[in-house]
Amino acid sequence: MRNQLIKEKQNLTHLSWSIYRSSSGTAGSFLKAYSELGGKKTYYKLSNFDKVNGVIGHECVNELIVDRLMTILGIPHLEYQLIHADVLVDGKIHDVYLCASEDFKASNESKTALDAYKEAEGKADESALDFCIRNGWEDYIYQMLVVDFLILNRDRHGANIEVLKNSRRRTIRLAPLFDHGLAFLCRSTQEQFATFDVMQDLPCNNFIGSRSAWENLKLIPPEKLPKLNPLHESDRETIMEGLEGIIPQALQDKIWEMTWKRWCAYEDFCHSR
């Protein structure tokens, strides 16, 4: 993809924004937009938006951080770009950092949310995990469960995993891992950063397994644990590069503390099995 981080402010006031399917609508909304230039479709996403405070939160920054983390670990995923821009929402211009990604569908592919696809194609009383294993997607799912534990992803619902189908070629695959904004210290205030317990097992919206990211690790058979590139303490520099002035230093410190401590816990988990 293009440069991962564009700090020079862009004029994207031409984009038209709509509400995400997963938005609660009350505490705020996650808005999305897209553009098509030269036959290429680009999707844009804002962090949490409400009519009183405008665009708040750091979900878009999380997307870039997780992108960098998965690159280090060697996990295939959707690439994100973090862009400083003016956007027009509800008749007002907002100075924001938004994220952009390219369309992951190939030509002639259609997409379906995994929950809807399982409902249509799954066997009676078949779990979501068993359904994915039967379709040959277990390695993908196991990598996803590891990532979601490392970042404490709260929002891996059934539409945040997509099935891509080409009826003409009779091919079917899962889309690259995407949508990791509701992770780390999302929804935490700056005052809460210092006391946030990075190892806590907060309730998560998981389509595969339970609401516990830690318990979901135990779904992976010992012989199927993903063979990942190791994370090193020196990787902090790569993961946080260029984020000064975009998110507070205290937040950078806490996100790295979470990533590193949970990686160490994952390594201990692997060695104990």
C-alpha atoms as a PDB file:
ATOM      1  CA  MET A   1       0.000   0.000   0.000  1.00  0.00           C
ATOM      2  CA  ARG A   2       1.003   3.672  -0.038  1.00  0.00           C
ATOM      3  CA  ASN A   3       2.888   5.399   2.785  1.00  0.00           C
ATOM      4  CA  GLN A   4       1.453   4.133   6.066  1.00  0.00           C
ATOM      5  CA  LEU A   5       1.276   7.530   7.731  1.00  0.00           C
ATOM      6  CA  ILE A   6       0.470  10.895   6.135  1.00  0.00           C
ATOM      7  CA  LYS A   7       0.811  13.767   8.619  1.00  0.00           C
ATOM      8  CA  GLU A   8       0.459  16.582   6.093  1.00  0.00           C
ATOM      9  CA  LYS A   9      -3.219  17.480   6.223  1.00  0.00           C
ATOM     10  CA  GLN A  10      -5.288  16.423   3.217  1.00  0.00           C
ATOM     11  CA  ASN A  11      -8.592  17.872   2.037  1.00  0.00           C
ATOM     12  CA  LEU A  12     -11.094  14.996   2.079  1.00  0.00           C
ATOM     13  CA  THR A  13     -14.207  17.099   2.547  1.00  0.00           C
ATOM     14  CA  HIS A  14     -15.652  15.549  -0.616  1.00  0.00           C
ATOM     15  CA  LEU A  15     -16.178  12.194   1.085  1.00  0.00           C
ATOM     16  CA  SER A  16     -19.722  11.223   2.056  1.00  0.00           C
ATOM     17  CA  TRP A  17     -19.991   9.423   5.397  1.00  0.00           C
ATOM     18  CA  SER A  18     -22.441   6.767   6.564  1.00  0.00           C
ATOM     19  CA  ILE A  19     -22.842   4.784   9.797  1.00  0.00           C
ATOM     20  CA  TYR A  20     -21.210   1.402  10.370  1.00  0.00           C
ATOM     21  CA  ARG A  21     -23.422  -1.630  10.804  1.00  0.00           C
ATOM     22  CA  SER A  22     -21.902  -2.287  14.235  1.00  0.00           C
ATOM     23  CA  SER A  23     -22.467   1.222  15.568  1.00  0.00           C
ATOM     24  CA  SER A  24     -24.488   1.508  18.769  1.00  0.00           C
ATOM     25  CA  GLY A  25     -25.858   4.837  17.554  1.00  0.00           C
ATOM     26  CA  THR A  26     -26.314   6.206  21.072  1.00  0.00           C
ATOM     27  CA  ALA A  27     -22.878   6.737  22.575  1.00  0.00           C
ATOM     28  CA  GLY A  28     -21.464   7.533  19.164  1.00  0.00           C
ATOM     29  CA  SER A  29     -21.037   6.264  15.642  1.00  0.00           C
ATOM     30  CA  PHE A  30     -18.286   4.830  13.472  1.00  0.00           C
ATOM     31  CA  LEU A  31     -18.550   6.460  10.089  1.00  0.00           C
ATOM     32  CA  LYS A  32     -17.254   5.109   6.811  1.00  0.00           C
ATOM     33  CA  ALA A  33     -16.860   6.401   3.281  1.00  0.00           C
ATOM     34  CA  TYR A  34     -15.318   5.273   0.030  1.00  0.00           C
ATOM     35  CA  SER A  35     -13.934   6.653  -3.200  1.00  0.00           C
ATOM     36  CA  GLU A  36     -13.308   5.160  -6.624  1.00  0.00           C
ATOM     37  CA  LEU A  37     -10.470   6.465  -8.776  1.00  0.00           C
ATOM     38  CA  GLY A  38      -9.106   4.706 -11.852  1.00  0.00           C
ATOM     39  CA  GLY A  39     -11.153   1.599 -11.106  1.00  0.00           C
ATOM     40  CA  LYS A  40      -9.645   1.289  -7.603  1.00  0.00           C
ATOM     41  CA  LYS A  41     -11.907   1.450  -4.562  1.00  0.00           C
ATOM     42  CA  THR A  42     -10.585   2.887  -1.285  1.00  0.00           C
ATOM     43  CA  TYR A  43     -12.464   2.679   2.000  1.00  0.00           C
ATOM     44  CA  TYR A  44     -12.146   5.293   4.746  1.00  0.00           C
ATOM     45  CA  LYS A  45     -13.049   5.035   8.431  1.00  0.00           C
ATOM     46  CA  LEU A  46     -13.274   7.571  11.252  1.00  0.00           C
ATOM     47  CA  SER A  47     -12.771   7.020  14.943  1.00  0.00           C
ATOM     48  CA  ASN A  48     -15.795   7.370  17.207  1.00  0.00           C
ATOM     49  CA  PHE A  49     -18.037  10.322  16.278  1.00  0.00           C
ATOM     50  CA  ASP A  50     -20.801  12.058  18.200  1.00  0.00           C
ATOM     51  CA  LYS A  51     -22.651  15.233  17.383  1.00  0.00           C
ATOM     52  CA  VAL A  52     -21.479  17.052  20.529  1.00  0.00           C
ATOM     53  CA  ASN A  53     -17.749  16.251  20.661  1.00  0.00           C
ATOM     54  CA  GLY A  54     -17.077  15.472  17.007  1.00  0.00           C
ATOM     55  CA  VAL A  55     -14.500  12.772  16.198  1.00  0.00           C
ATOM     56  CA  ILE A  56     -12.973  11.368  19.369  1.00  0.00           C
ATOM     57  CA  GLY A  57     -11.015   8.280  20.345  1.00  0.00           C
ATOM     58  CA  HIS A  58      -8.050   6.616  18.676  1.00  0.00           C
ATOM     59  CA  GLU A  59      -9.575   3.624  16.880  1.00  0.00           C
ATOM     60  CA  CYS A  60      -7.983   4.635  13.571  1.00  0.00           C
ATOM     61  CA  VAL A  61      -4.541   4.811  15.179  1.00  0.00           C
ATOM     62  CA  ASN A  62      -5.138   1.320  16.571  1.00  0.00           C
ATOM     63  CA  GLU A  63      -5.639   0.051  13.024  1.00  0.00           C
ATOM     64  CA  LEU A  64      -2.169   1.237  12.030  1.00  0.00           C
ATOM     65  CA  ILE A  65      -0.561  -0.153  15.185  1.00  0.00           C
ATOM     66  CA  VAL A  66      -2.137  -3.591  14.673  1.00  0.00           C
ATOM     67  CA  ASP A  67      -1.187  -3.508  10.987  1.00  0.00           C
ATOM     68  CA  ARG A  68       2.449  -2.995  12.004  1.00  0.00           C
ATOM     69  CA  LEU A  69       2.233  -5.676  14.695  1.00  0.00           C
ATOM     70  CA  MET A  70       0.860  -8.295  12.308  1.00  0.00           C
ATOM     71  CA  THR A  71       3.517  -7.426   9.734  1.00  0.00           C
ATOM     72  CA  ILE A  72       6.204  -8.149  12.343  1.00  0.00           C
ATOM     73  CA  LEU A  73       4.514 -11.413  13.361  1.00  0.00           C
ATOM     74  CA  GLY A  74       4.119 -12.485   9.722  1.00  0.00           C
ATOM     75  CA  ILE A  75       0.314 -12.708   9.776  1.00  0.00           C
ATOM     76  CA  PRO A  76      -1.493 -11.853   6.497  1.00  0.00           C
ATOM     77  CA  HIS A  77      -3.873  -8.925   6.979  1.00  0.00           C
ATOM     78  CA  LEU A  78      -5.499  -5.889   5.411  1.00  0.00           C
ATOM     79  CA  GLU A  79      -3.101  -2.950   5.233  1.00  0.00           C
ATOM     80  CA  TYR A  80      -4.186   0.398   6.663  1.00  0.00           C
ATOM     81  CA  GLN A  81      -3.034   3.951   6.048  1.00  0.00           C
ATOM     82  CA  LEU A  82      -3.412   6.660   8.693  1.00  0.00           C
ATOM     83  CA  ILE A  83      -4.155  10.064   7.143  1.00  0.00           C
ATOM     84  CA  HIS A  84      -4.384  13.551   8.649  1.00  0.00           C
ATOM     85  CA  ALA A  85      -7.326  15.235   6.924  1.00  0.00           C
ATOM     86  CA  ASP A  86     -10.177  17.700   6.996  1.00  0.00           C
ATOM     87  CA  VAL A  87     -13.518  15.909   6.635  1.00  0.00           C
ATOM     88  CA  LEU A  88     -17.054  17.253   6.419  1.00  0.00           C
ATOM     89  CA  VAL A  89     -19.587  15.603   8.747  1.00  0.00           C
ATOM     90  CA  ASP A  90     -23.028  17.021   9.588  1.00  0.00           C
ATOM     91  CA  GLY A  91     -22.159  20.296   7.871  1.00  0.00           C
ATOM     92  CA  LYS A  92     -19.023  20.887   9.959  1.00  0.00           C
ATOM     93  CA  ILE A  93     -15.353  20.492   9.041  1.00  0.00           C
ATOM     94  CA  HIS A  94     -13.387  18.263  11.432  1.00  0.00           C
ATOM     95  CA  ASP A  95      -9.600  18.000  11.671  1.00  0.00           C
ATOM     96  CA  VAL A  96      -8.997  14.256  12.147  1.00  0.00           C
ATOM     97  CA  TYR A  97      -6.762  11.267  11.639  1.00  0.00           C
ATOM     98  CA  LEU A  98      -8.681   8.675   9.670  1.00  0.00           C
ATOM     99  CA  CYS A  99      -7.671   5.324   8.243  1.00  0.00           C
ATOM    100  CA  ALA A 100      -7.885   4.120   4.664  1.00  0.00           C
ATOM    101  CA  SER A 101      -7.702   0.665   3.141  1.00  0.00           C
ATOM    102  CA  GLU A 102      -7.995  -0.765  -0.341  1.00  0.00           C
ATOM    103  CA  ASP A 103     -10.782  -3.081  -1.442  1.00  0.00           C
ATOM    104  CA  PHE A 104      -9.727  -6.650  -0.640  1.00  0.00           C
ATOM    105  CA  LYS A 105     -12.207  -8.258  -3.027  1.00  0.00           C
ATOM    106  CA  ALA A 106     -10.775  -9.602  -6.269  1.00  0.00           C
ATOM    107  CA  SER A 107     -12.606  -9.182  -9.551  1.00  0.00           C
ATOM    108  CA  ASN A 108     -15.910 -11.120  -9.674  1.00  0.00           C
ATOM    109  CA  GLU A 109     -15.838 -11.885  -5.942  1.00  0.00           C
ATOM    110  CA  SER A 110     -18.833 -11.274  -3.715  1.00  0.00           C
ATOM    111  CA  LYS A 111     -18.586 -10.894   0.054  1.00  0.00           C
ATOM    112  CA  THR A 112     -20.741 -12.272   2.848  1.00  0.00           C
ATOM    113  CA  ALA A 113     -20.387 -11.906   6.599  1.00  0.00           C
ATOM    114  CA  LEU A 114     -19.189 -15.145   8.164  1.00  0.00           C
ATOM    115  CA  ASP A 115     -22.149 -15.298  10.549  1.00  0.00           C
ATOM    116  CA  ALA A 116     -24.596 -15.071   7.630  1.00  0.00           C
ATOM    117  CA  TYR A 117     -22.614 -17.607   5.603  1.00  0.00           C
ATOM    118  CA  LYS A 118     -22.563 -20.079   8.493  1.00  0.00           C
ATOM    119  CA  GLU A 119     -26.291 -19.654   9.017  1.00  0.00           C
ATOM    120  CA  ALA A 120     -26.863 -20.553   5.366  1.00  0.00           C
ATOM    121  CA  GLU A 121     -24.276 -23.318   4.987  1.00  0.00           C
ATOM    122  CA  GLY A 122     -23.616 -24.666   8.489  1.00  0.00           C
ATOM    123  CA  LYS A 123     -24.797 -28.006   9.836  1.00  0.00           C
ATOM    124  CA  ALA A 124     -27.280 -28.279  12.686  1.00  0.00           C
ATOM    125  CA  ASP A 125     -25.624 -27.643  16.078  1.00  0.00           C
ATOM    126  CA  GLU A 126     -22.237 -26.993  14.399  1.00  0.00           C
ATOM    127  CA  SER A 127     -20.111 -24.454  16.270  1.00  0.00           C
ATOM    128  CA  ALA A 128     -18.604 -21.502  14.439  1.00  0.00           C
ATOM    129  CA  LEU A 129     -15.131 -22.959  15.023  1.00  0.00           C
ATOM    130  CA  ASP A 130     -16.091 -26.410  13.716  1.00  0.00           C
ATOM    131  CA  PHE A 131     -17.690 -24.799  10.671  1.00  0.00           C
ATOM    132  CA  CYS A 132     -14.467 -22.924   9.899  1.00  0.00           C
ATOM    133  CA  ILE A 133     -12.359 -26.052  10.392  1.00  0.00           C
ATOM    134  CA  ARG A 134     -14.631 -27.995   8.029  1.00  0.00           C
ATOM    135  CA  ASN A 135     -14.096 -25.291   5.396  1.00  0.00           C
ATOM    136  CA  GLY A 136     -10.302 -25.408   5.749  1.00  0.00           C
ATOM    137  CA  TRP A 137      -9.908 -22.090   7.565  1.00  0.00           C
ATOM    138  CA  GLU A 138      -8.477 -23.274  10.875  1.00  0.00           C
ATOM    139  CA  ASP A 139      -4.995 -21.755  10.426  1.00  0.00           C
ATOM    140  CA  TYR A 140      -6.573 -18.369   9.676  1.00  0.00           C
ATOM    141  CA  ILE A 141      -8.840 -18.633  12.724  1.00  0.00           C
ATOM    142  CA  TYR A 142      -6.020 -19.652  15.055  1.00  0.00           C
ATOM    143  CA  GLN A 143      -3.885 -16.700  13.931  1.00  0.00           C
ATOM    144  CA  MET A 144      -6.889 -14.434  14.502  1.00  0.00           C
ATOM    145  CA  LEU A 145      -7.409 -15.767  18.032  1.00  0.00           C
ATOM    146  CA  VAL A 146      -3.772 -15.012  18.873  1.00  0.00           C
ATOM    147  CA  VAL A 147      -3.949 -11.479  17.482  1.00  0.00           C
ATOM    148  CA  ASP A 148      -7.214 -10.776  19.301  1.00  0.00           C
ATOM    149  CA  PHE A 149      -5.629 -11.894  22.575  1.00  0.00           C
ATOM    150  CA  LEU A 150      -2.520  -9.738  22.066  1.00  0.00           C
ATOM    151  CA  ILE A 151      -4.504  -6.573  21.354  1.00  0.00           C
ATOM    152  CA  LEU A 152      -7.584  -7.374  23.482  1.00  0.00           C
ATOM    153  CA  ASN A 153      -9.878  -6.954  20.496  1.00  0.00           C
ATOM    154  CA  ARG A 154     -13.411  -6.338  21.800  1.00  0.00           C
ATOM    155  CA  ASP A 155     -15.231  -6.515  18.465  1.00  0.00           C
ATOM    156  CA  ARG A 156     -14.654  -9.699  16.431  1.00  0.00           C
ATOM    157  CA  HIS A 157     -18.321 -10.206  15.669  1.00  0.00           C
ATOM    158  CA  GLY A 158     -19.514 -12.312  12.763  1.00  0.00           C
ATOM    159  CA  ALA A 159     -19.432  -9.463  10.246  1.00  0.00           C
ATOM    160  CA  ASN A 160     -15.817  -8.585  11.072  1.00  0.00           C
ATOM    161  CA  ILE A 161     -14.822 -11.827   9.351  1.00  0.00           C
ATOM    162  CA  GLU A 162     -15.884 -11.964   5.713  1.00  0.00           C
ATOM    163  CA  VAL A 163     -16.262 -14.767   3.203  1.00  0.00           C
ATOM    164  CA  LEU A 164     -15.216 -13.965  -0.380  1.00  0.00           C
ATOM    165  CA  LYS A 165     -16.779 -16.115  -3.070  1.00  0.00           C
ATOM    166  CA  ASN A 166     -16.157 -16.324  -6.818  1.00  0.00           C
ATOM    167  CA  SER A 167     -19.047 -18.318  -8.244  1.00  0.00           C
ATOM    168  CA  ARG A 168     -17.562 -18.422 -11.747  1.00  0.00           C
ATOM    169  CA  ARG A 169     -14.280 -19.943 -10.597  1.00  0.00           C
ATOM    170  CA  ARG A 170     -15.921 -21.799  -7.705  1.00  0.00           C
ATOM    171  CA  THR A 171     -13.442 -20.416  -5.195  1.00  0.00           C
ATOM    172  CA  ILE A 172     -14.103 -19.347  -1.629  1.00  0.00           C
ATOM    173  CA  ARG A 173     -11.780 -17.755   0.921  1.00  0.00           C
ATOM    174  CA  LEU A 174     -11.769 -15.568   3.994  1.00  0.00           C
ATOM    175  CA  ALA A 175     -10.913 -11.900   3.627  1.00  0.00           C
ATOM    176  CA  PRO A 176      -7.605 -10.714   5.115  1.00  0.00           C
ATOM    177  CA  LEU A 177      -7.885  -9.933   8.816  1.00  0.00           C
ATOM    178  CA  PHE A 178      -9.360  -6.447   9.214  1.00  0.00           C
ATOM    179  CA  ASP A 179     -11.070  -4.074  11.651  1.00  0.00           C
ATOM    180  CA  HIS A 180      -9.047  -3.911  14.876  1.00  0.00           C
ATOM    181  CA  GLY A 181      -9.979  -0.437  16.073  1.00  0.00           C
ATOM    182  CA  LEU A 182     -11.826  -1.495  19.228  1.00  0.00           C
ATOM    183  CA  ALA A 183      -8.724  -2.876  20.903  1.00  0.00           C
ATOM    184  CA  PHE A 184      -6.035  -1.882  23.407  1.00  0.00           C
ATOM    185  CA  LEU A 185      -7.284   0.989  25.615  1.00  0.00           C
ATOM    186  CA  CYS A 186     -10.205   2.004  23.418  1.00  0.00           C
ATOM    187  CA  ARG A 187     -12.775   4.152  25.206  1.00  0.00           C
ATOM    188  CA  SER A 188     -10.340   4.812  28.072  1.00  0.00           C
ATOM    189  CA  THR A 189      -9.674   8.403  29.084  1.00  0.00           C
ATOM    190  CA  GLN A 190      -6.196   9.846  29.532  1.00  0.00           C
ATOM    191  CA  GLU A 191      -6.757   9.786  33.293  1.00  0.00           C
ATOM    192  CA  GLN A 192      -7.349   6.020  33.129  1.00  0.00           C
ATOM    193  CA  PHE A 193      -4.168   5.143  31.198  1.00  0.00           C
ATOM    194  CA  ALA A 194      -1.947   4.882  34.271  1.00  0.00           C
ATOM    195  CA  THR A 195      -4.195   2.446  36.143  1.00  0.00           C
ATOM    196  CA  PHE A 196      -5.353   0.349  33.178  1.00  0.00           C
ATOM    197  CA  ASP A 197      -4.556  -3.337  33.790  1.00  0.00           C
ATOM    198  CA  VAL A 198      -3.087  -4.509  30.477  1.00  0.00           C
ATOM    199  CA  MET A 199      -3.591  -8.185  31.340  1.00  0.00           C
ATOM    200  CA  GLN A 200      -7.270  -7.966  32.266  1.00  0.00           C
ATOM    201  CA  ASP A 201      -9.644 -10.194  30.329  1.00  0.00           C
ATOM    202  CA  LEU A 202     -12.439  -7.791  29.459  1.00  0.00           C
ATOM    203  CA  PRO A 203     -15.625  -9.203  27.869  1.00  0.00           C
ATOM    204  CA  CYS A 204     -15.205  -9.327  24.096  1.00  0.00           C
ATOM    205  CA  ASN A 205     -17.698  -9.728  21.262  1.00  0.00           C
ATOM    206  CA  ASN A 206     -16.283 -12.869  19.628  1.00  0.00           C
ATOM    207  CA  PHE A 207     -18.093 -14.862  16.943  1.00  0.00           C
ATOM    208  CA  ILE A 208     -15.580 -17.693  17.342  1.00  0.00           C
ATOM    209  CA  GLY A 209     -15.461 -19.132  20.854  1.00  0.00           C
ATOM    210  CA  SER A 210     -16.376 -17.286  24.023  1.00  0.00           C
ATOM    211  CA  ARG A 211     -16.333 -13.690  25.241  1.00  0.00           C
ATOM    212  CA  SER A 212     -12.876 -14.275  26.750  1.00  0.00           C
ATOM    213  CA  ALA A 213      -9.857 -13.647  24.515  1.00  0.00           C
ATOM    214  CA  TRP A 214      -7.734 -15.664  26.953  1.00  0.00           C
ATOM    215  CA  GLU A 215     -10.068 -18.666  26.980  1.00  0.00           C
ATOM    216  CA  ASN A 216     -10.224 -18.570  23.198  1.00  0.00           C
ATOM    217  CA  LEU A 217      -6.480 -19.218  23.032  1.00  0.00           C
ATOM    218  CA  LYS A 218      -7.204 -22.592  24.609  1.00  0.00           C
ATOM    219  CA  LEU A 219      -9.283 -23.540  21.566  1.00  0.00           C
ATOM    220  CA  ILE A 220      -6.050 -23.899  19.585  1.00  0.00           C
ATOM    221  CA  PRO A 221      -4.682 -27.472  19.692  1.00  0.00           C
ATOM    222  CA  PRO A 222      -1.019 -27.560  20.808  1.00  0.00           C
ATOM    223  CA  GLU A 223       0.089 -28.918  17.437  1.00  0.00           C
ATOM    224  CA  LYS A 224      -1.781 -26.121  15.641  1.00  0.00           C
ATOM    225  CA  LEU A 225      -0.313 -23.135  17.483  1.00  0.00           C
ATOM    226  CA  PRO A 226       0.616 -20.579  14.790  1.00  0.00           C
ATOM    227  CA  LYS A 227       4.312 -20.378  13.913  1.00  0.00           C
ATOM    228  CA  LEU A 228       4.809 -16.634  14.215  1.00  0.00           C
ATOM    229  CA  ASN A 229       7.864 -14.433  13.894  1.00  0.00           C
ATOM    230  CA  PRO A 230       8.869 -13.505  17.449  1.00  0.00           C
ATOM    231  CA  LEU A 231       8.157 -10.069  18.853  1.00  0.00           C
ATOM    232  CA  HIS A 232      11.129  -8.245  20.410  1.00  0.00           C
ATOM    233  CA  GLU A 233      11.267  -5.275  22.761  1.00  0.00           C
ATOM    234  CA  SER A 234      13.121  -3.379  20.026  1.00  0.00           C
ATOM    235  CA  ASP A 235       9.995  -3.656  17.830  1.00  0.00           C
ATOM    236  CA  ARG A 236       8.394  -0.888  19.879  1.00  0.00           C
ATOM    237  CA  GLU A 237      10.190   1.681  17.732  1.00  0.00           C
ATOM    238  CA  THR A 238       8.708   0.257  14.529  1.00  0.00           C
ATOM    239  CA  ILE A 239       5.193  -0.079  15.940  1.00  0.00           C
ATOM    240  CA  MET A 240       5.073   3.463  17.373  1.00  0.00           C
ATOM    241  CA  GLU A 241       7.037   5.245  14.636  1.00  0.00           C
ATOM    242  CA  GLY A 242       5.619   8.652  13.768  1.00  0.00           C
ATOM    243  CA  LEU A 243       2.797   8.621  16.327  1.00  0.00           C
ATOM    244  CA  GLU A 244       4.183  11.467  18.443  1.00  0.00           C
ATOM    245  CA  GLY A 245       1.695  14.313  18.418  1.00  0.00           C
ATOM    246  CA  ILE A 246      -1.093  12.001  17.238  1.00  0.00           C
ATOM    247  CA  ILE A 247      -1.755  10.096  20.457  1.00  0.00           C
ATOM    248  CA  PRO A 248      -0.361  10.947  23.927  1.00  0.00           C
ATOM    249  CA  GLN A 249       2.940   9.441  24.989  1.00  0.00           C
ATOM    250  CA  ALA A 250       1.193   7.853  27.984  1.00  0.00           C
ATOM    251  CA  LEU A 251      -1.119   6.013  25.614  1.00  0.00           C
ATOM    252  CA  GLN A 252       1.786   4.858  23.430  1.00  0.00           C
ATOM    253  CA  ASP A 253       3.524   3.550  26.546  1.00  0.00           C
ATOM    254  CA  LYS A 254       0.445   1.669  27.737  1.00  0.00           C
ATOM    255  CA  ILE A 255      -0.312   0.149  24.322  1.00  0.00           C
ATOM    256  CA  TRP A 256       3.237  -1.127  24.078  1.00  0.00           C
ATOM    257  CA  GLU A 257       3.119  -2.438  27.650  1.00  0.00           C
ATOM    258  CA  MET A 258      -0.050  -4.340  26.765  1.00  0.00           C
ATOM    259  CA  THR A 259       1.387  -5.710  23.531  1.00  0.00           C
ATOM    260  CA  TRP A 260       4.660  -6.834  25.103  1.00  0.00           C
ATOM    261  CA  LYS A 261       3.226  -8.333  28.306  1.00  0.00           C
ATOM    262  CA  ARG A 262       0.520 -10.188  26.440  1.00  0.00           C
ATOM    263  CA  TRP A 263       3.091 -11.478  23.946  1.00  0.00           C
ATOM    264  CA  CYS A 264       5.187 -12.786  26.833  1.00  0.00           C
ATOM    265  CA  ALA A 265       2.076 -14.417  28.307  1.00  0.00           C
ATOM    266  CA  TYR A 266       1.336 -16.003  24.931  1.00  0.00           C
ATOM    267  CA  GLU A 267       4.880 -17.403  24.732  1.00  0.00           C
ATOM    268  CA  ASP A 268       4.472 -18.865  28.231  1.00  0.00           C
ATOM    269  CA  PHE A 269       1.149 -20.343  27.129  1.00  0.00           C
ATOM    270  CA  CYS A 270       2.797 -22.004  24.119  1.00  0.00           C
ATOM    271  CA  HIS A 271       5.632 -23.441  26.206  1.00  0.00           C
ATOM    272  CA  SER A 272       3.202 -24.870  28.762  1.00  0.00           C
ATOM    273  CA  ARG A 273       1.284 -26.954  26.228  1.00  0.00           C
END
